[in-house]
Amino acid sequence: MNVRTRDAVVRARIDSNLKENAESILKQLGFTMSDAINMYLNMIVMQNGIPFELKVPNELTLETFRKSEAGEELEKVGSLDNLRKLVDK
């Protein structure tokens, strides 16, 4: 059996609403904040990095976001089938 001693302390300043919301969800899942932090840190070690993709958007993506937020160059397709036809062009 691999038993690890929990002998280190991690402190972080976070938004109180974020903390409360996260604790509420974790409680429903049967976890404490310490459990969640330990799982996250274990995943970092297992994957040798952050366990999800982090990217800085390129200029095209940033421009597309800007246009979408401004309601520019949007195309209404009406259905999933129409969207597929548009993508397959």
N, C-alpha and C. Protein backbone atom coordinates (compact mmCIF):
# COMPACT_ATOMS: atom_id res chain seq x y z
N MET A 1 0.84 -1.18 0.00
CA MET A 1 0.00 0.00 0.00
C MET A 1 0.89 1.24 0.00
N ASN A 2 0.58 2.20 -0.87
CA ASN A 2 1.35 3.42 -0.99
C ASN A 2 0.65 4.53 -0.21
N VAL A 3 1.09 4.78 1.02
CA VAL A 3 0.50 5.82 1.86
C VAL A 3 1.43 7.02 1.87
N ARG A 4 0.88 8.17 1.54
CA ARG A 4 1.68 9.39 1.52
C ARG A 4 1.34 10.24 2.74
N THR A 5 2.35 10.80 3.35
CA THR A 5 2.15 11.68 4.48
C THR A 5 1.83 13.08 3.96
N ARG A 6 0.78 13.65 4.47
CA ARG A 6 0.42 15.02 4.08
C ARG A 6 1.06 15.96 5.09
N ASP A 7 2.25 16.45 4.73
CA ASP A 7 3.01 17.26 5.68
C ASP A 7 3.36 18.65 5.15
N ALA A 8 2.81 19.04 4.00
CA ALA A 8 3.09 20.36 3.43
C ALA A 8 1.79 21.16 3.36
N VAL A 9 1.93 22.47 3.44
CA VAL A 9 0.78 23.36 3.39
C VAL A 9 0.90 24.23 2.15
N VAL A 10 -0.21 24.40 1.44
CA VAL A 10 -0.28 25.29 0.29
C VAL A 10 -1.29 26.38 0.62
N ARG A 11 -0.91 27.63 0.40
CA ARG A 11 -1.82 28.75 0.64
C ARG A 11 -1.98 29.52 -0.66
N ALA A 12 -3.20 29.94 -0.93
CA ALA A 12 -3.45 30.73 -2.14
C ALA A 12 -4.57 31.72 -1.86
N ARG A 13 -4.47 32.89 -2.41
CA ARG A 13 -5.53 33.88 -2.31
C ARG A 13 -6.44 33.72 -3.53
N ILE A 14 -7.73 33.52 -3.25
CA ILE A 14 -8.71 33.38 -4.34
C ILE A 14 -9.95 34.18 -4.00
N ASP A 15 -10.77 34.42 -4.98
CA ASP A 15 -12.03 35.12 -4.80
C ASP A 15 -12.94 34.31 -3.88
N SER A 16 -13.56 34.95 -2.91
CA SER A 16 -14.38 34.23 -1.93
C SER A 16 -15.59 33.55 -2.58
N ASN A 17 -16.17 34.18 -3.60
CA ASN A 17 -17.31 33.54 -4.29
C ASN A 17 -16.87 32.28 -5.02
N LEU A 18 -15.71 32.34 -5.65
CA LEU A 18 -15.16 31.17 -6.34
C LEU A 18 -14.96 30.04 -5.34
N LYS A 19 -14.39 30.35 -4.20
CA LYS A 19 -14.13 29.35 -3.17
C LYS A 19 -15.44 28.72 -2.69
N GLU A 20 -16.43 29.55 -2.38
CA GLU A 20 -17.72 29.04 -1.90
C GLU A 20 -18.40 28.16 -2.94
N ASN A 21 -18.40 28.60 -4.20
CA ASN A 21 -19.03 27.82 -5.27
C ASN A 21 -18.32 26.49 -5.47
N ALA A 22 -16.99 26.53 -5.47
CA ALA A 22 -16.22 25.29 -5.64
C ALA A 22 -16.46 24.35 -4.47
N GLU A 23 -16.44 24.87 -3.25
CA GLU A 23 -16.67 24.02 -2.08
C GLU A 23 -18.05 23.38 -2.11
N SER A 24 -19.04 24.12 -2.56
CA SER A 24 -20.40 23.58 -2.66
C SER A 24 -20.46 22.40 -3.63
N ILE A 25 -19.83 22.56 -4.77
CA ILE A 25 -19.81 21.49 -5.77
C ILE A 25 -19.01 20.30 -5.26
N LEU A 26 -17.85 20.58 -4.68
CA LEU A 26 -17.01 19.50 -4.15
C LEU A 26 -17.73 18.73 -3.06
N LYS A 27 -18.46 19.42 -2.21
CA LYS A 27 -19.22 18.75 -1.14
C LYS A 27 -20.23 17.78 -1.73
N GLN A 28 -20.91 18.20 -2.80
CA GLN A 28 -21.88 17.33 -3.46
C GLN A 28 -21.20 16.08 -4.03
N LEU A 29 -19.95 16.22 -4.41
CA LEU A 29 -19.19 15.11 -4.96
C LEU A 29 -18.49 14.28 -3.88
N GLY A 30 -18.58 14.75 -2.64
CA GLY A 30 -17.96 14.03 -1.53
C GLY A 30 -16.48 14.33 -1.34
N PHE A 31 -16.03 15.50 -1.81
CA PHE A 31 -14.63 15.88 -1.71
C PHE A 31 -14.48 17.15 -0.90
N THR A 32 -13.33 17.30 -0.30
CA THR A 32 -12.96 18.56 0.33
C THR A 32 -12.10 19.36 -0.65
N MET A 33 -11.86 20.61 -0.29
CA MET A 33 -10.98 21.44 -1.11
C MET A 33 -9.59 20.82 -1.15
N SER A 34 -9.12 20.30 0.00
CA SER A 34 -7.81 19.64 0.02
C SER A 34 -7.78 18.43 -0.90
N ASP A 35 -8.86 17.64 -0.92
CA ASP A 35 -8.93 16.49 -1.83
C ASP A 35 -8.78 16.96 -3.28
N ALA A 36 -9.51 18.01 -3.63
CA ALA A 36 -9.50 18.50 -5.01
C ALA A 36 -8.11 19.03 -5.39
N ILE A 37 -7.49 19.76 -4.49
CA ILE A 37 -6.15 20.29 -4.77
C ILE A 37 -5.16 19.14 -4.93
N ASN A 38 -5.26 18.13 -4.07
CA ASN A 38 -4.39 16.96 -4.20
C ASN A 38 -4.60 16.24 -5.53
N MET A 39 -5.86 16.08 -5.95
CA MET A 39 -6.14 15.43 -7.24
C MET A 39 -5.53 16.24 -8.38
N TYR A 40 -5.71 17.56 -8.33
CA TYR A 40 -5.17 18.43 -9.36
C TYR A 40 -3.64 18.32 -9.43
N LEU A 41 -2.99 18.40 -8.29
CA LEU A 41 -1.53 18.31 -8.28
C LEU A 41 -1.04 16.94 -8.73
N ASN A 42 -1.77 15.88 -8.37
CA ASN A 42 -1.41 14.54 -8.85
C ASN A 42 -1.53 14.46 -10.36
N MET A 43 -2.56 15.08 -10.93
CA MET A 43 -2.72 15.07 -12.39
C MET A 43 -1.59 15.84 -13.07
N ILE A 44 -1.15 16.94 -12.46
CA ILE A 44 -0.02 17.69 -13.01
C ILE A 44 1.21 16.79 -13.06
N VAL A 45 1.44 16.06 -11.99
CA VAL A 45 2.60 15.16 -11.95
C VAL A 45 2.45 14.03 -12.96
N MET A 46 1.27 13.41 -13.01
CA MET A 46 1.04 12.29 -13.92
C MET A 46 1.19 12.69 -15.38
N GLN A 47 0.72 13.91 -15.72
CA GLN A 47 0.76 14.34 -17.12
C GLN A 47 1.96 15.22 -17.42
N ASN A 48 2.79 15.43 -16.41
CA ASN A 48 3.98 16.26 -16.58
C ASN A 48 3.63 17.65 -17.11
N GLY A 49 2.53 18.20 -16.61
CA GLY A 49 2.09 19.53 -17.02
C GLY A 49 0.67 19.77 -16.57
N ILE A 50 0.14 20.91 -16.94
CA ILE A 50 -1.25 21.25 -16.61
C ILE A 50 -2.15 20.22 -17.29
N PRO A 51 -3.15 19.67 -16.57
CA PRO A 51 -3.94 18.57 -17.13
C PRO A 51 -5.06 19.01 -18.08
N PHE A 52 -4.90 20.16 -18.68
CA PHE A 52 -5.83 20.60 -19.73
C PHE A 52 -5.06 21.53 -20.64
N GLU A 53 -5.58 21.72 -21.84
CA GLU A 53 -4.86 22.49 -22.85
C GLU A 53 -4.94 23.99 -22.56
N LEU A 54 -3.80 24.64 -22.60
CA LEU A 54 -3.72 26.10 -22.45
C LEU A 54 -3.12 26.66 -23.72
N LYS A 55 -3.80 27.65 -24.29
CA LYS A 55 -3.30 28.24 -25.53
C LYS A 55 -3.52 29.74 -25.50
N VAL A 56 -2.62 30.45 -26.12
CA VAL A 56 -2.82 31.86 -26.40
C VAL A 56 -3.42 31.91 -27.79
N PRO A 57 -4.62 32.50 -27.94
CA PRO A 57 -5.24 32.52 -29.26
C PRO A 57 -4.40 33.29 -30.28
N ASN A 58 -4.39 32.79 -31.53
CA ASN A 58 -3.65 33.49 -32.58
C ASN A 58 -4.48 34.68 -33.06
N GLU A 59 -3.91 35.49 -33.91
CA GLU A 59 -4.57 36.72 -34.37
C GLU A 59 -5.89 36.44 -35.09
N LEU A 60 -5.95 35.38 -35.90
CA LEU A 60 -7.19 35.05 -36.60
C LEU A 60 -8.29 34.70 -35.60
N THR A 61 -7.96 33.91 -34.59
CA THR A 61 -8.94 33.54 -33.58
C THR A 61 -9.42 34.76 -32.81
N LEU A 62 -8.49 35.64 -32.42
CA LEU A 62 -8.86 36.85 -31.70
C LEU A 62 -9.78 37.74 -32.54
N GLU A 63 -9.48 37.86 -33.81
CA GLU A 63 -10.32 38.67 -34.71
C GLU A 63 -11.69 38.03 -34.88
N THR A 64 -11.74 36.72 -34.97
CA THR A 64 -13.01 36.01 -35.10
C THR A 64 -13.86 36.22 -33.84
N PHE A 65 -13.23 36.12 -32.66
CA PHE A 65 -13.95 36.38 -31.40
C PHE A 65 -14.51 37.80 -31.40
N ARG A 66 -13.67 38.77 -31.79
CA ARG A 66 -14.09 40.17 -31.79
C ARG A 66 -15.31 40.37 -32.71
N LYS A 67 -15.25 39.80 -33.90
CA LYS A 67 -16.35 39.94 -34.85
C LYS A 67 -17.62 39.25 -34.34
N SER A 68 -17.46 38.08 -33.76
CA SER A 68 -18.62 37.36 -33.23
C SER A 68 -19.28 38.16 -32.11
N GLU A 69 -18.48 38.69 -31.21
CA GLU A 69 -19.02 39.48 -30.10
C GLU A 69 -19.72 40.74 -30.60
N ALA A 70 -19.24 41.28 -31.71
CA ALA A 70 -19.83 42.48 -32.29
C ALA A 70 -21.01 42.14 -33.20
N GLY A 71 -21.27 40.85 -33.40
CA GLY A 71 -22.37 40.44 -34.27
C GLY A 71 -22.06 40.57 -35.74
N GLU A 72 -20.79 40.62 -36.07
CA GLU A 72 -20.37 40.81 -37.47
C GLU A 72 -20.06 39.47 -38.12
N GLU A 73 -20.33 39.40 -39.42
CA GLU A 73 -20.00 38.23 -40.24
C GLU A 73 -20.54 36.91 -39.68
N LEU A 74 -21.73 36.99 -39.11
CA LEU A 74 -22.38 35.78 -38.61
C LEU A 74 -23.26 35.21 -39.70
N GLU A 75 -23.35 33.92 -39.78
CA GLU A 75 -24.20 33.28 -40.77
C GLU A 75 -25.17 32.36 -40.06
N LYS A 76 -26.46 32.59 -40.27
CA LYS A 76 -27.48 31.73 -39.68
C LYS A 76 -27.70 30.55 -40.61
N VAL A 77 -27.66 29.36 -40.05
CA VAL A 77 -27.78 28.17 -40.87
C VAL A 77 -29.11 27.46 -40.68
N GLY A 78 -29.76 27.66 -39.55
CA GLY A 78 -31.09 27.12 -39.35
C GLY A 78 -31.17 25.67 -38.89
N SER A 79 -30.18 24.88 -39.26
CA SER A 79 -30.22 23.47 -38.85
C SER A 79 -28.82 22.89 -38.87
N LEU A 80 -28.67 21.77 -38.20
CA LEU A 80 -27.38 21.08 -38.18
C LEU A 80 -27.01 20.60 -39.58
N ASP A 81 -27.99 20.12 -40.32
CA ASP A 81 -27.71 19.68 -41.70
C ASP A 81 -27.17 20.82 -42.55
N ASN A 82 -27.77 22.00 -42.42
CA ASN A 82 -27.29 23.16 -43.18
C ASN A 82 -25.87 23.56 -42.75
N LEU A 83 -25.59 23.43 -41.46
CA LEU A 83 -24.25 23.73 -40.98
C LEU A 83 -23.25 22.76 -41.58
N ARG A 84 -23.61 21.50 -41.61
CA ARG A 84 -22.71 20.49 -42.21
C ARG A 84 -22.44 20.79 -43.68
N LYS A 85 -23.48 21.20 -44.42
CA LYS A 85 -23.32 21.54 -45.83
C LYS A 85 -22.38 22.73 -45.99
N LEU A 86 -22.52 23.71 -45.10
CA LEU A 86 -21.69 24.90 -45.16
C LEU A 86 -20.23 24.55 -44.86
N VAL A 87 -20.00 23.71 -43.87
CA VAL A 87 -18.64 23.30 -43.50
C VAL A 87 -18.00 22.46 -44.58
N ASP A 88 -18.79 21.63 -45.27
CA ASP A 88 -18.26 20.74 -46.30
C ASP A 88 -17.93 21.46 -47.59
N LYS A 89 -18.28 22.72 -47.73
CA LYS A 89 -17.99 23.47 -48.97
C LYS A 89 -16.52 23.54 -49.25
